[in-house]
């Protein structure tokens, strides 16, 4: 089976350390050749004043784009959601070199963390 390279962003604004660690562990089980960036704190881009913990994860998978996105949704759902709270946000940022979530790429935290994952 062919292996595909992926880059996934993790963000949380509720019980941030616990949720980012939990997601990092789950993604480490789901992917091969995993590289975890450091974590950094950012303010909500919508101006709500909430603080997010962010991390990037790179790795390889045999899953298709549709399958990996479904897995990410399942992981998000497992942590629950409350109004105004992002317990866990997982975005597939890159799949086999194809960038996704293009509006997020210029964000400073993506630019600061991308080097940790050794992706081009």
PDB file of N, CA and C in Angstrom:
ATOM      1  N   UNK A   1       0.834  -1.192   0.000  1.00  0.00           N
ATOM      2  CA  UNK A   1       0.000   0.000   0.000  1.00  0.00           C
ATOM      3  C   UNK A   1       0.871   1.245   0.000  1.00  0.00           C
ATOM      4  N   UNK A   2       0.501   2.205  -0.826  1.00  0.00           N
ATOM      5  CA  UNK A   2       1.293   3.443  -0.835  1.00  0.00           C
ATOM      6  C   UNK A   2       1.102   4.231   0.461  1.00  0.00           C
ATOM      7  N   UNK A   3       2.178   4.909   0.867  1.00  0.00           N
ATOM      8  CA  UNK A   3       2.122   5.764   2.060  1.00  0.00           C
ATOM      9  C   UNK A   3       2.047   7.210   1.599  1.00  0.00           C
ATOM     10  N   UNK A   4       1.240   7.953   2.292  1.00  0.00           N
ATOM     11  CA  UNK A   4       1.021   9.358   1.969  1.00  0.00           C
ATOM     12  C   UNK A   4       1.545  10.216   3.110  1.00  0.00           C
ATOM     13  N   UNK A   5       2.183  11.326   2.791  1.00  0.00           N
ATOM     14  CA  UNK A   5       2.656  12.235   3.833  1.00  0.00           C
ATOM     15  C   UNK A   5       1.527  13.205   4.187  1.00  0.00           C
ATOM     16  N   UNK A   6       1.409  13.488   5.478  1.00  0.00           N
ATOM     17  CA  UNK A   6       0.359  14.380   5.962  1.00  0.00           C
ATOM     18  C   UNK A   6       0.932  15.364   6.976  1.00  0.00           C
ATOM     19  N   UNK A   7       0.267  16.501   7.068  1.00  0.00           N
ATOM     20  CA  UNK A   7       0.540  17.488   8.100  1.00  0.00           C
ATOM     21  C   UNK A   7      -0.805  17.860   8.706  1.00  0.00           C
ATOM     22  N   UNK A   8      -0.899  17.751  10.019  1.00  0.00           N
ATOM     23  CA  UNK A   8      -2.149  17.996  10.735  1.00  0.00           C
ATOM     24  C   UNK A   8      -1.897  19.054  11.802  1.00  0.00           C
ATOM     25  N   UNK A   9      -2.814  20.013  11.901  1.00  0.00           N
ATOM     26  CA  UNK A   9      -2.719  21.001  12.970  1.00  0.00           C
ATOM     27  C   UNK A   9      -3.663  20.602  14.097  1.00  0.00           C
ATOM     28  N   UNK A  10      -3.211  20.859  15.319  1.00  0.00           N
ATOM     29  CA  UNK A  10      -3.996  20.615  16.525  1.00  0.00           C
ATOM     30  C   UNK A  10      -4.180  21.955  17.212  1.00  0.00           C
ATOM     31  N   UNK A  11      -5.398  22.240  17.630  1.00  0.00           N
ATOM     32  CA  UNK A  11      -5.670  23.436  18.411  1.00  0.00           C
ATOM     33  C   UNK A  11      -6.718  23.140  19.468  1.00  0.00           C
ATOM     34  N   UNK A  12      -6.596  23.823  20.601  1.00  0.00           N
ATOM     35  CA  UNK A  12      -7.570  23.668  21.679  1.00  0.00           C
ATOM     36  C   UNK A  12      -7.613  24.939  22.510  1.00  0.00           C
ATOM     37  N   UNK A  13      -8.835  25.319  22.956  1.00  0.00           N
ATOM     38  CA  UNK A  13      -8.955  26.453  23.865  1.00  0.00           C
ATOM     39  C   UNK A  13      -9.658  26.070  25.172  1.00  0.00           C
ATOM     40  N   UNK A  14      -9.738  24.775  25.442  1.00  0.00           N
ATOM     41  CA  UNK A  14     -10.345  24.279  26.673  1.00  0.00           C
ATOM     42  C   UNK A  14      -9.522  23.099  27.178  1.00  0.00           C
ATOM     43  N   UNK A  15      -9.059  23.214  28.444  1.00  0.00           N
ATOM     44  CA  UNK A  15      -8.182  22.167  28.983  1.00  0.00           C
ATOM     45  C   UNK A  15      -7.114  21.837  27.933  1.00  0.00           C
ATOM     46  N   UNK A  16      -6.460  22.886  27.475  1.00  0.00           N
ATOM     47  CA  UNK A  16      -5.576  22.816  26.315  1.00  0.00           C
ATOM     48  C   UNK A  16      -4.500  21.747  26.426  1.00  0.00           C
ATOM     49  N   UNK A  17      -3.767  21.729  27.506  1.00  0.00           N
ATOM     50  CA  UNK A  17      -2.669  20.752  27.630  1.00  0.00           C
ATOM     51  C   UNK A  17      -3.177  19.331  27.527  1.00  0.00           C
ATOM     52  N   UNK A  18      -4.261  19.039  28.221  1.00  0.00           N
ATOM     53  CA  UNK A  18      -4.819  17.683  28.212  1.00  0.00           C
ATOM     54  C   UNK A  18      -5.297  17.296  26.818  1.00  0.00           C
ATOM     55  N   UNK A  19      -6.006  18.197  26.150  1.00  0.00           N
ATOM     56  CA  UNK A  19      -6.550  17.863  24.835  1.00  0.00           C
ATOM     57  C   UNK A  19      -5.469  17.758  23.762  1.00  0.00           C
ATOM     58  N   UNK A  20      -4.496  18.646  23.793  1.00  0.00           N
ATOM     59  CA  UNK A  20      -3.421  18.580  22.796  1.00  0.00           C
ATOM     60  C   UNK A  20      -2.583  17.323  23.016  1.00  0.00           C
ATOM     61  N   UNK A  21      -2.308  16.982  24.259  1.00  0.00           N
ATOM     62  CA  UNK A  21      -1.552  15.760  24.554  1.00  0.00           C
ATOM     63  C   UNK A  21      -2.330  14.520  24.103  1.00  0.00           C
ATOM     64  N   UNK A  22      -3.619  14.485  24.407  1.00  0.00           N
ATOM     65  CA  UNK A  22      -4.470  13.345  24.019  1.00  0.00           C
ATOM     66  C   UNK A  22      -4.469  13.187  22.498  1.00  0.00           C
ATOM     67  N   UNK A  23      -4.666  14.296  21.775  1.00  0.00           N
ATOM     68  CA  UNK A  23      -4.677  14.238  20.309  1.00  0.00           C
ATOM     69  C   UNK A  23      -3.325  13.815  19.757  1.00  0.00           C
ATOM     70  N   UNK A  24      -2.259  14.315  20.359  1.00  0.00           N
ATOM     71  CA  UNK A  24      -0.902  13.948  19.920  1.00  0.00           C
ATOM     72  C   UNK A  24      -0.683  12.446  20.065  1.00  0.00           C
ATOM     73  N   UNK A  25      -1.141  11.887  21.166  1.00  0.00           N
ATOM     74  CA  UNK A  25      -0.994  10.444  21.387  1.00  0.00           C
ATOM     75  C   UNK A  25      -1.804   9.644  20.372  1.00  0.00           C
ATOM     76  N   UNK A  26      -3.047  10.069  20.121  1.00  0.00           N
ATOM     77  CA  UNK A  26      -3.891   9.354  19.163  1.00  0.00           C
ATOM     78  C   UNK A  26      -3.309   9.425  17.755  1.00  0.00           C
ATOM     79  N   UNK A  27      -2.826  10.591  17.365  1.00  0.00           N
ATOM     80  CA  UNK A  27      -2.234  10.729  16.038  1.00  0.00           C
ATOM     81  C   UNK A  27      -0.945   9.929  15.919  1.00  0.00           C
ATOM     82  N   UNK A  28      -0.203   9.814  17.006  1.00  0.00           N
ATOM     83  CA  UNK A  28       1.022   9.000  16.996  1.00  0.00           C
ATOM     84  C   UNK A  28       0.713   7.534  16.777  1.00  0.00           C
ATOM     85  N   UNK A  29      -0.468   7.092  17.203  1.00  0.00           N
ATOM     86  CA  UNK A  29      -0.892   5.705  16.966  1.00  0.00           C
ATOM     87  C   UNK A  29      -1.441   5.517  15.552  1.00  0.00           C
ATOM     88  N   UNK A  30      -2.026   6.565  14.999  1.00  0.00           N
ATOM     89  CA  UNK A  30      -2.668   6.502  13.688  1.00  0.00           C
ATOM     90  C   UNK A  30      -1.669   6.624  12.534  1.00  0.00           C
ATOM     91  N   UNK A  31      -0.604   7.382  12.752  1.00  0.00           N
ATOM     92  CA  UNK A  31       0.354   7.687  11.690  1.00  0.00           C
ATOM     93  C   UNK A  31       1.679   6.963  11.889  1.00  0.00           C
ATOM     94  N   UNK A  32       2.444   6.858  10.822  1.00  0.00           N
ATOM     95  CA  UNK A  32       3.816   6.371  10.900  1.00  0.00           C
ATOM     96  C   UNK A  32       4.771   7.544  10.758  1.00  0.00           C
ATOM     97  N   UNK A  33       6.025   7.341  11.122  1.00  0.00           N
ATOM     98  CA  UNK A  33       7.066   8.366  10.965  1.00  0.00           C
ATOM     99  C   UNK A  33       6.643   9.720  11.552  1.00  0.00           C
ATOM    100  N   UNK A  34       6.085   9.700  12.738  1.00  0.00           N
ATOM    101  CA  UNK A  34       5.491  10.885  13.351  1.00  0.00           C
ATOM    102  C   UNK A  34       6.545  11.868  13.849  1.00  0.00           C
ATOM    103  N   UNK A  35       6.291  13.135  13.571  1.00  0.00           N
ATOM    104  CA  UNK A  35       7.089  14.241  14.120  1.00  0.00           C
ATOM    105  C   UNK A  35       6.115  15.228  14.740  1.00  0.00           C
ATOM    106  N   UNK A  36       6.370  15.565  15.996  1.00  0.00           N
ATOM    107  CA  UNK A  36       5.532  16.514  16.719  1.00  0.00           C
ATOM    108  C   UNK A  36       6.275  17.837  16.862  1.00  0.00           C
ATOM    109  N   UNK A  37       5.604  18.919  16.554  1.00  0.00           N
ATOM    110  CA  UNK A  37       6.208  20.225  16.791  1.00  0.00           C
ATOM    111  C   UNK A  37       6.120  20.534  18.285  1.00  0.00           C
ATOM    112  N   UNK A  38       6.807  21.586  18.675  1.00  0.00           N
ATOM    113  CA  UNK A  38       6.607  22.094  20.029  1.00  0.00           C
ATOM    114  C   UNK A  38       5.180  22.658  20.086  1.00  0.00           C
ATOM    115  N   UNK A  39       4.734  23.033  21.253  1.00  0.00           N
ATOM    116  CA  UNK A  39       3.426  23.679  21.380  1.00  0.00           C
ATOM    117  C   UNK A  39       3.632  25.166  21.616  1.00  0.00           C
ATOM    118  N   UNK A  40       2.722  25.960  21.084  1.00  0.00           N
ATOM    119  CA  UNK A  40       2.760  27.396  21.336  1.00  0.00           C
ATOM    120  C   UNK A  40       1.338  27.883  21.619  1.00  0.00           C
ATOM    121  N   UNK A  41       1.283  28.999  22.310  1.00  0.00           N
ATOM    122  CA  UNK A  41       0.019  29.628  22.660  1.00  0.00           C
ATOM    123  C   UNK A  41      -0.270  30.771  21.700  1.00  0.00           C
ATOM    124  N   UNK A  42      -1.543  30.891  21.309  1.00  0.00           N
ATOM    125  CA  UNK A  42      -1.983  32.009  20.476  1.00  0.00           C
ATOM    126  C   UNK A  42      -3.331  32.504  20.984  1.00  0.00           C
ATOM    127  N   UNK A  43      -3.641  33.736  20.616  1.00  0.00           N
ATOM    128  CA  UNK A  43      -4.981  34.276  20.893  1.00  0.00           C
ATOM    129  C   UNK A  43      -5.915  33.895  19.748  1.00  0.00           C
ATOM    130  N   UNK A  44      -7.175  33.759  20.080  1.00  0.00           N
ATOM    131  CA  UNK A  44      -8.216  33.479  19.095  1.00  0.00           C
ATOM    132  C   UNK A  44      -8.177  34.531  17.984  1.00  0.00           C
ATOM    133  N   UNK A  45      -8.197  34.091  16.723  1.00  0.00           N
ATOM    134  CA  UNK A  45      -8.138  35.024  15.598  1.00  0.00           C
ATOM    135  C   UNK A  45      -9.433  35.819  15.448  1.00  0.00           C
ATOM    136  N   UNK A  46     -10.513  35.379  16.099  1.00  0.00           N
ATOM    137  CA  UNK A  46     -11.800  36.072  16.021  1.00  0.00           C
ATOM    138  C   UNK A  46     -11.916  37.173  17.066  1.00  0.00           C
ATOM    139  N   UNK A  47     -10.891  37.325  17.903  1.00  0.00           N
ATOM    140  CA  UNK A  47     -10.896  38.408  18.875  1.00  0.00           C
ATOM    141  C   UNK A  47     -11.706  38.143  20.134  1.00  0.00           C
ATOM    142  N   UNK A  48     -11.977  36.891  20.446  1.00  0.00           N
ATOM    143  CA  UNK A  48     -12.767  36.577  21.642  1.00  0.00           C
ATOM    144  C   UNK A  48     -11.939  36.655  22.920  1.00  0.00           C
ATOM    145  N   UNK A  49     -10.626  36.697  22.786  1.00  0.00           N
ATOM    146  CA  UNK A  49      -9.759  36.723  23.961  1.00  0.00           C
ATOM    147  C   UNK A  49      -9.346  35.347  24.440  1.00  0.00           C
ATOM    148  N   UNK A  50      -9.890  34.298  23.830  1.00  0.00           N
ATOM    149  CA  UNK A  50      -9.538  32.933  24.219  1.00  0.00           C
ATOM    150  C   UNK A  50      -8.101  32.628  23.806  1.00  0.00           C
ATOM    151  N   UNK A  51      -7.451  31.805  24.598  1.00  0.00           N
ATOM    152  CA  UNK A  51      -6.100  31.359  24.275  1.00  0.00           C
ATOM    153  C   UNK A  51      -6.147  29.923  23.765  1.00  0.00           C
ATOM    154  N   UNK A  52      -5.420  29.689  22.695  1.00  0.00           N
ATOM    155  CA  UNK A  52      -5.317  28.358  22.107  1.00  0.00           C
ATOM    156  C   UNK A  52      -3.917  27.810  22.308  1.00  0.00           C
ATOM    157  N   UNK A  53      -3.840  26.512  22.522  1.00  0.00           N
ATOM    158  CA  UNK A  53      -2.580  25.801  22.442  1.00  0.00           C
ATOM    159  C   UNK A  53      -2.572  25.149  21.064  1.00  0.00           C
ATOM    160  N   UNK A  54      -1.456  25.275  20.357  1.00  0.00           N
ATOM    161  CA  UNK A  54      -1.343  24.778  18.986  1.00  0.00           C
ATOM    162  C   UNK A  54      -0.124  23.889  18.822  1.00  0.00           C
ATOM    163  N   UNK A  55      -0.257  22.935  17.935  1.00  0.00           N
ATOM    164  CA  UNK A  55       0.842  22.022  17.592  1.00  0.00           C
ATOM    165  C   UNK A  55       0.612  21.532  16.168  1.00  0.00           C
ATOM    166  N   UNK A  56       1.696  21.199  15.483  1.00  0.00           N
ATOM    167  CA  UNK A  56       1.620  20.524  14.187  1.00  0.00           C
ATOM    168  C   UNK A  56       2.165  19.113  14.344  1.00  0.00           C
ATOM    169  N   UNK A  57       1.588  18.209  13.572  1.00  0.00           N
ATOM    170  CA  UNK A  57       2.017  16.810  13.566  1.00  0.00           C
ATOM    171  C   UNK A  57       2.195  16.394  12.112  1.00  0.00           C
ATOM    172  N   UNK A  58       3.350  15.848  11.785  1.00  0.00           N
ATOM    173  CA  UNK A  58       3.548  15.294  10.444  1.00  0.00           C
ATOM    174  C   UNK A  58       3.751  13.793  10.573  1.00  0.00           C
ATOM    175  N   UNK A  59       3.442  13.103   9.487  1.00  0.00           N
ATOM    176  CA  UNK A  59       3.613  11.657   9.493  1.00  0.00           C
ATOM    177  C   UNK A  59       3.203  11.075   8.160  1.00  0.00           C
ATOM    178  N   UNK A  60       3.086   9.765   8.142  1.00  0.00           N
ATOM    179  CA  UNK A  60       2.660   9.062   6.934  1.00  0.00           C
ATOM    180  C   UNK A  60       1.475   8.177   7.263  1.00  0.00           C
ATOM    181  N   UNK A  61       0.690   7.888   6.216  1.00  0.00           N
ATOM    182  CA  UNK A  61      -0.495   7.056   6.393  1.00  0.00           C
ATOM    183  C   UNK A  61      -0.829   6.342   5.087  1.00  0.00           C
ATOM    184  N   UNK A  62      -1.554   5.242   5.191  1.00  0.00           N
ATOM    185  CA  UNK A  62      -2.084   4.565   4.009  1.00  0.00           C
ATOM    186  C   UNK A  62      -3.520   5.003   3.750  1.00  0.00           C
ATOM    187  N   UNK A  63      -4.075   5.839   4.613  1.00  0.00           N
ATOM    188  CA  UNK A  63      -5.451   6.303   4.470  1.00  0.00           C
ATOM    189  C   UNK A  63      -5.579   7.330   3.347  1.00  0.00           C
ATOM    190  N   UNK A  64      -6.745   7.356   2.717  1.00  0.00           N
ATOM    191  CA  UNK A  64      -7.048   8.378   1.714  1.00  0.00           C
ATOM    192  C   UNK A  64      -7.368   9.691   2.421  1.00  0.00           C
ATOM    193  N   UNK A  65      -7.480  10.764   1.658  1.00  0.00           N
ATOM    194  CA  UNK A  65      -7.860  12.057   2.217  1.00  0.00           C
ATOM    195  C   UNK A  65      -9.191  11.943   2.960  1.00  0.00           C
ATOM    196  N   UNK A  66     -10.169  11.325   2.328  1.00  0.00           N
ATOM    197  CA  UNK A  66     -11.497  11.179   2.939  1.00  0.00           C
ATOM    198  C   UNK A  66     -11.399  10.384   4.239  1.00  0.00           C
ATOM    199  N   UNK A  67     -10.638   9.302   4.234  1.00  0.00           N
ATOM    200  CA  UNK A  67     -10.501   8.475   5.437  1.00  0.00           C
ATOM    201  C   UNK A  67      -9.794   9.216   6.571  1.00  0.00           C
ATOM    202  N   UNK A  68      -8.727   9.936   6.271  1.00  0.00           N
ATOM    203  CA  UNK A  68      -8.001  10.635   7.342  1.00  0.00           C
ATOM    204  C   UNK A  68      -8.852  11.770   7.892  1.00  0.00           C
ATOM    205  N   UNK A  69      -9.578  12.476   7.028  1.00  0.00           N
ATOM    206  CA  UNK A  69     -10.458  13.541   7.523  1.00  0.00           C
ATOM    207  C   UNK A  69     -11.560  12.974   8.409  1.00  0.00           C
ATOM    208  N   UNK A  70     -12.080  11.804   8.062  1.00  0.00           N
ATOM    209  CA  UNK A  70     -13.101  11.166   8.903  1.00  0.00           C
ATOM    210  C   UNK A  70     -12.518  10.796  10.266  1.00  0.00           C
ATOM    211  N   UNK A  71     -11.305  10.281  10.284  1.00  0.00           N
ATOM    212  CA  UNK A  71     -10.642   9.948  11.559  1.00  0.00           C
ATOM    213  C   UNK A  71     -10.461  11.198  12.417  1.00  0.00           C
ATOM    214  N   UNK A  72     -10.073  12.311  11.795  1.00  0.00           N
ATOM    215  CA  UNK A  72      -9.885  13.557  12.540  1.00  0.00           C
ATOM    216  C   UNK A  72     -11.203  14.033  13.143  1.00  0.00           C
ATOM    217  N   UNK A  73     -12.296  13.920  12.377  1.00  0.00           N
ATOM    218  CA  UNK A  73     -13.619  14.294  12.894  1.00  0.00           C
ATOM    219  C   UNK A  73     -14.021  13.406  14.073  1.00  0.00           C
ATOM    220  N   UNK A  74     -13.711  12.126  13.980  1.00  0.00           N
ATOM    221  CA  UNK A  74     -14.020  11.202  15.074  1.00  0.00           C
ATOM    222  C   UNK A  74     -13.246  11.568  16.337  1.00  0.00           C
ATOM    223  N   UNK A  75     -11.976  11.926  16.182  1.00  0.00           N
ATOM    224  CA  UNK A  75     -11.180  12.339  17.335  1.00  0.00           C
ATOM    225  C   UNK A  75     -11.732  13.626  17.948  1.00  0.00           C
ATOM    226  N   UNK A  76     -12.100  14.578  17.109  1.00  0.00           N
ATOM    227  CA  UNK A  76     -12.702  15.816  17.621  1.00  0.00           C
ATOM    228  C   UNK A  76     -13.979  15.508  18.406  1.00  0.00           C
ATOM    229  N   UNK A  77     -14.821  14.664  17.833  1.00  0.00           N
ATOM    230  CA  UNK A  77     -16.104  14.329  18.473  1.00  0.00           C
ATOM    231  C   UNK A  77     -15.902  13.621  19.808  1.00  0.00           C
ATOM    232  N   UNK A  78     -14.836  12.847  19.917  1.00  0.00           N
ATOM    233  CA  UNK A  78     -14.585  12.096  21.154  1.00  0.00           C
ATOM    234  C   UNK A  78     -14.324  13.006  22.346  1.00  0.00           C
ATOM    235  N   UNK A  79     -13.876  14.239  22.099  1.00  0.00           N
ATOM    236  CA  UNK A  79     -13.608  15.168  23.200  1.00  0.00           C
ATOM    237  C   UNK A  79     -14.814  16.028  23.539  1.00  0.00           C
ATOM    238  N   UNK A  80     -15.857  15.984  22.713  1.00  0.00           N
ATOM    239  CA  UNK A  80     -17.065  16.764  22.976  1.00  0.00           C
ATOM    240  C   UNK A  80     -16.886  18.219  22.604  1.00  0.00           C
ATOM    241  N   UNK A  81     -17.992  18.910  22.485  1.00  0.00           N
ATOM    242  CA  UNK A  81     -17.986  20.339  22.152  1.00  0.00           C
ATOM    243  C   UNK A  81     -19.028  21.028  23.025  1.00  0.00           C
ATOM    244  N   UNK A  82     -18.688  22.239  23.433  1.00  0.00           N
ATOM    245  CA  UNK A  82     -19.639  23.103  24.132  1.00  0.00           C
ATOM    246  C   UNK A  82     -19.694  24.425  23.397  1.00  0.00           C
ATOM    247  N   UNK A  83     -20.797  25.126  23.531  1.00  0.00           N
ATOM    248  CA  UNK A  83     -20.952  26.427  22.876  1.00  0.00           C
ATOM    249  C   UNK A  83     -19.781  27.347  23.202  1.00  0.00           C
ATOM    250  N   UNK A  84     -19.133  27.883  22.182  1.00  0.00           N
ATOM    251  CA  UNK A  84     -18.046  28.822  22.377  1.00  0.00           C
ATOM    252  C   UNK A  84     -16.715  28.204  22.762  1.00  0.00           C
ATOM    253  N   UNK A  85     -16.656  26.891  22.839  1.00  0.00           N
ATOM    254  CA  UNK A  85     -15.444  26.205  23.263  1.00  0.00           C
ATOM    255  C   UNK A  85     -14.964  25.283  22.158  1.00  0.00           C
ATOM    256  N   UNK A  86     -13.671  25.327  21.897  1.00  0.00           N
ATOM    257  CA  UNK A  86     -13.068  24.397  20.946  1.00  0.00           C
ATOM    258  C   UNK A  86     -12.202  23.448  21.764  1.00  0.00           C
ATOM    259  N   UNK A  87     -12.806  22.324  22.152  1.00  0.00           N
ATOM    260  CA  UNK A  87     -12.029  21.370  22.939  1.00  0.00           C
ATOM    261  C   UNK A  87     -10.888  20.808  22.118  1.00  0.00           C
ATOM    262  N   UNK A  88     -11.170  20.562  20.828  1.00  0.00           N
ATOM    263  CA  UNK A  88     -10.137  20.028  19.953  1.00  0.00           C
ATOM    264  C   UNK A  88     -10.485  20.366  18.515  1.00  0.00           C
ATOM    265  N   UNK A  89      -9.526  20.941  17.806  1.00  0.00           N
ATOM    266  CA  UNK A  89      -9.671  21.239  16.386  1.00  0.00           C
ATOM    267  C   UNK A  89      -8.503  20.588  15.668  1.00  0.00           C
ATOM    268  N   UNK A  90      -8.818  19.669  14.776  1.00  0.00           N
ATOM    269  CA  UNK A  90      -7.800  18.951  13.994  1.00  0.00           C
ATOM    270  C   UNK A  90      -8.041  19.240  12.521  1.00  0.00           C
ATOM    271  N   UNK A  91      -7.051  19.807  11.860  1.00  0.00           N
ATOM    272  CA  UNK A  91      -7.176  20.123  10.435  1.00  0.00           C
ATOM    273  C   UNK A  91      -6.075  19.446   9.643  1.00  0.00           C
ATOM    274  N   UNK A  92      -6.471  18.804   8.549  1.00  0.00           N
ATOM    275  CA  UNK A  92      -5.512  18.227   7.615  1.00  0.00           C
ATOM    276  C   UNK A  92      -4.971  19.374   6.774  1.00  0.00           C
ATOM    277  N   UNK A  93      -3.763  19.804   7.068  1.00  0.00           N
ATOM    278  CA  UNK A  93      -3.166  20.971   6.429  1.00  0.00           C
ATOM    279  C   UNK A  93      -2.491  20.627   5.100  1.00  0.00           C
ATOM    280  N   UNK A  94      -1.979  19.402   4.997  1.00  0.00           N
ATOM    281  CA  UNK A  94      -1.259  19.008   3.783  1.00  0.00           C
ATOM    282  C   UNK A  94      -1.379  17.499   3.612  1.00  0.00           C
ATOM    283  N   UNK A  95      -1.576  17.073   2.366  1.00  0.00           N
ATOM    284  CA  UNK A  95      -1.659  15.655   2.020  1.00  0.00           C
ATOM    285  C   UNK A  95      -0.841  15.462   0.753  1.00  0.00           C
ATOM    286  N   UNK A  96       0.207  14.672   0.848  1.00  0.00           N
ATOM    287  CA  UNK A  96       1.112  14.423  -0.290  1.00  0.00           C
ATOM    288  C   UNK A  96       1.526  15.722  -0.984  1.00  0.00           C
ATOM    289  N   UNK A  97       1.901  16.718  -0.203  1.00  0.00           N
ATOM    290  CA  UNK A  97       2.391  17.969  -0.750  1.00  0.00           C
ATOM    291  C   UNK A  97       1.321  18.955  -1.168  1.00  0.00           C
ATOM    292  N   UNK A  98       0.066  18.543  -1.187  1.00  0.00           N
ATOM    293  CA  UNK A  98      -1.023  19.450  -1.560  1.00  0.00           C
ATOM    294  C   UNK A  98      -1.534  20.164  -0.314  1.00  0.00           C
ATOM    295  N   UNK A  99      -1.378  21.473  -0.325  1.00  0.00           N
ATOM    296  CA  UNK A  99      -1.819  22.268   0.818  1.00  0.00           C
ATOM    297  C   UNK A  99      -3.336  22.379   0.844  1.00  0.00           C
ATOM    298  N   UNK A 100      -3.864  22.319   2.054  1.00  0.00           N
ATOM    299  CA  UNK A 100      -5.296  22.456   2.301  1.00  0.00           C
ATOM    300  C   UNK A 100      -5.465  23.558   3.344  1.00  0.00           C
ATOM    301  N   UNK A 101      -6.660  23.992   3.607  1.00  0.00           N
ATOM    302  CA  UNK A 101      -6.905  25.078   4.577  1.00  0.00           C
ATOM    303  C   UNK A 101      -5.983  26.263   4.261  1.00  0.00           C
ATOM    304  N   UNK A 102      -6.059  26.708   3.044  1.00  0.00           N
ATOM    305  CA  UNK A 102      -5.116  27.712   2.551  1.00  0.00           C
ATOM    306  C   UNK A 102      -5.136  29.014   3.356  1.00  0.00           C
ATOM    307  N   UNK A 103      -6.259  29.383   3.924  1.00  0.00           N
ATOM    308  CA  UNK A 103      -6.312  30.627   4.694  1.00  0.00           C
ATOM    309  C   UNK A 103      -5.546  30.514   6.009  1.00  0.00           C
ATOM    310  N   UNK A 104      -5.284  29.289   6.461  1.00  0.00           N
ATOM    311  CA  UNK A 104      -4.551  29.094   7.717  1.00  0.00           C
ATOM    312  C   UNK A 104      -3.030  29.118   7.539  1.00  0.00           C
ATOM    313  N   UNK A 105      -2.541  28.847   6.348  1.00  0.00           N
ATOM    314  CA  UNK A 105      -1.092  28.749   6.138  1.00  0.00           C
ATOM    315  C   UNK A 105      -0.319  30.022   6.504  1.00  0.00           C
ATOM    316  N   UNK A 106      -0.844  31.213   6.235  1.00  0.00           N
ATOM    317  CA  UNK A 106      -0.087  32.423   6.602  1.00  0.00           C
ATOM    318  C   UNK A 106      -0.083  32.731   8.111  1.00  0.00           C
ATOM    319  N   UNK A 107      -0.893  32.049   8.873  1.00  0.00           N
ATOM    320  CA  UNK A 107      -0.961  32.351  10.306  1.00  0.00           C
ATOM    321  C   UNK A 107       0.398  32.139  10.959  1.00  0.00           C
ATOM    322  N   UNK A 108       0.757  33.056  11.860  1.00  0.00           N
ATOM    323  CA  UNK A 108       2.095  32.993  12.468  1.00  0.00           C
ATOM    324  C   UNK A 108       2.416  31.653  13.141  1.00  0.00           C
ATOM    325  N   UNK A 109       1.459  31.048  13.821  1.00  0.00           N
ATOM    326  CA  UNK A 109       1.787  29.794  14.505  1.00  0.00           C
ATOM    327  C   UNK A 109       2.118  28.676  13.525  1.00  0.00           C
ATOM    328  N   UNK A 110       1.485  28.673  12.355  1.00  0.00           N
ATOM    329  CA  UNK A 110       1.831  27.655  11.343  1.00  0.00           C
ATOM    330  C   UNK A 110       3.262  27.904  10.875  1.00  0.00           C
ATOM    331  N   UNK A 111       3.580  29.139  10.576  1.00  0.00           N
ATOM    332  CA  UNK A 111       4.916  29.475  10.098  1.00  0.00           C
ATOM    333  C   UNK A 111       5.985  29.198  11.155  1.00  0.00           C
ATOM    334  N   UNK A 112       5.658  29.423  12.427  1.00  0.00           N
ATOM    335  CA  UNK A 112       6.622  29.177  13.497  1.00  0.00           C
ATOM    336  C   UNK A 112       6.850  27.680  13.727  1.00  0.00           C
ATOM    337  N   UNK A 113       5.837  26.869  13.530  1.00  0.00           N
ATOM    338  CA  UNK A 113       5.933  25.445  13.871  1.00  0.00           C
ATOM    339  C   UNK A 113       6.304  24.535  12.699  1.00  0.00           C
ATOM    340  N   UNK A 114       6.136  24.994  11.475  1.00  0.00           N
ATOM    341  CA  UNK A 114       6.358  24.126  10.323  1.00  0.00           C
ATOM    342  C   UNK A 114       7.760  23.548  10.279  1.00  0.00           C
ATOM    343  N   UNK A 115       8.754  24.298  10.672  1.00  0.00           N
ATOM    344  CA  UNK A 115      10.124  23.798  10.667  1.00  0.00           C
ATOM    345  C   UNK A 115      10.360  22.640  11.617  1.00  0.00           C
ATOM    346  N   UNK A 116       9.553  22.553  12.680  1.00  0.00           N
ATOM    347  CA  UNK A 116       9.677  21.455  13.627  1.00  0.00           C
ATOM    348  C   UNK A 116       9.335  20.114  13.002  1.00  0.00           C
ATOM    349  N   UNK A 117       8.506  20.152  11.968  1.00  0.00           N
ATOM    350  CA  UNK A 117       8.022  18.911  11.352  1.00  0.00           C
ATOM    351  C   UNK A 117       8.790  18.541  10.093  1.00  0.00           C
ATOM    352  N   UNK A 118       9.750  19.360   9.702  1.00  0.00           N
ATOM    353  CA  UNK A 118      10.645  19.077   8.566  1.00  0.00           C
ATOM    354  C   UNK A 118       9.891  18.841   7.261  1.00  0.00           C
ATOM    355  N   UNK A 119       8.817  19.581   7.045  1.00  0.00           N
ATOM    356  CA  UNK A 119       8.106  19.522   5.762  1.00  0.00           C
ATOM    357  C   UNK A 119       8.549  20.698   4.919  1.00  0.00           C
ATOM    358  N   UNK A 120       8.493  20.539   3.635  1.00  0.00           N
ATOM    359  CA  UNK A 120       8.843  21.622   2.712  1.00  0.00           C
ATOM    360  C   UNK A 120       7.594  22.368   2.328  1.00  0.00           C
TER     361      UNK A 120
END
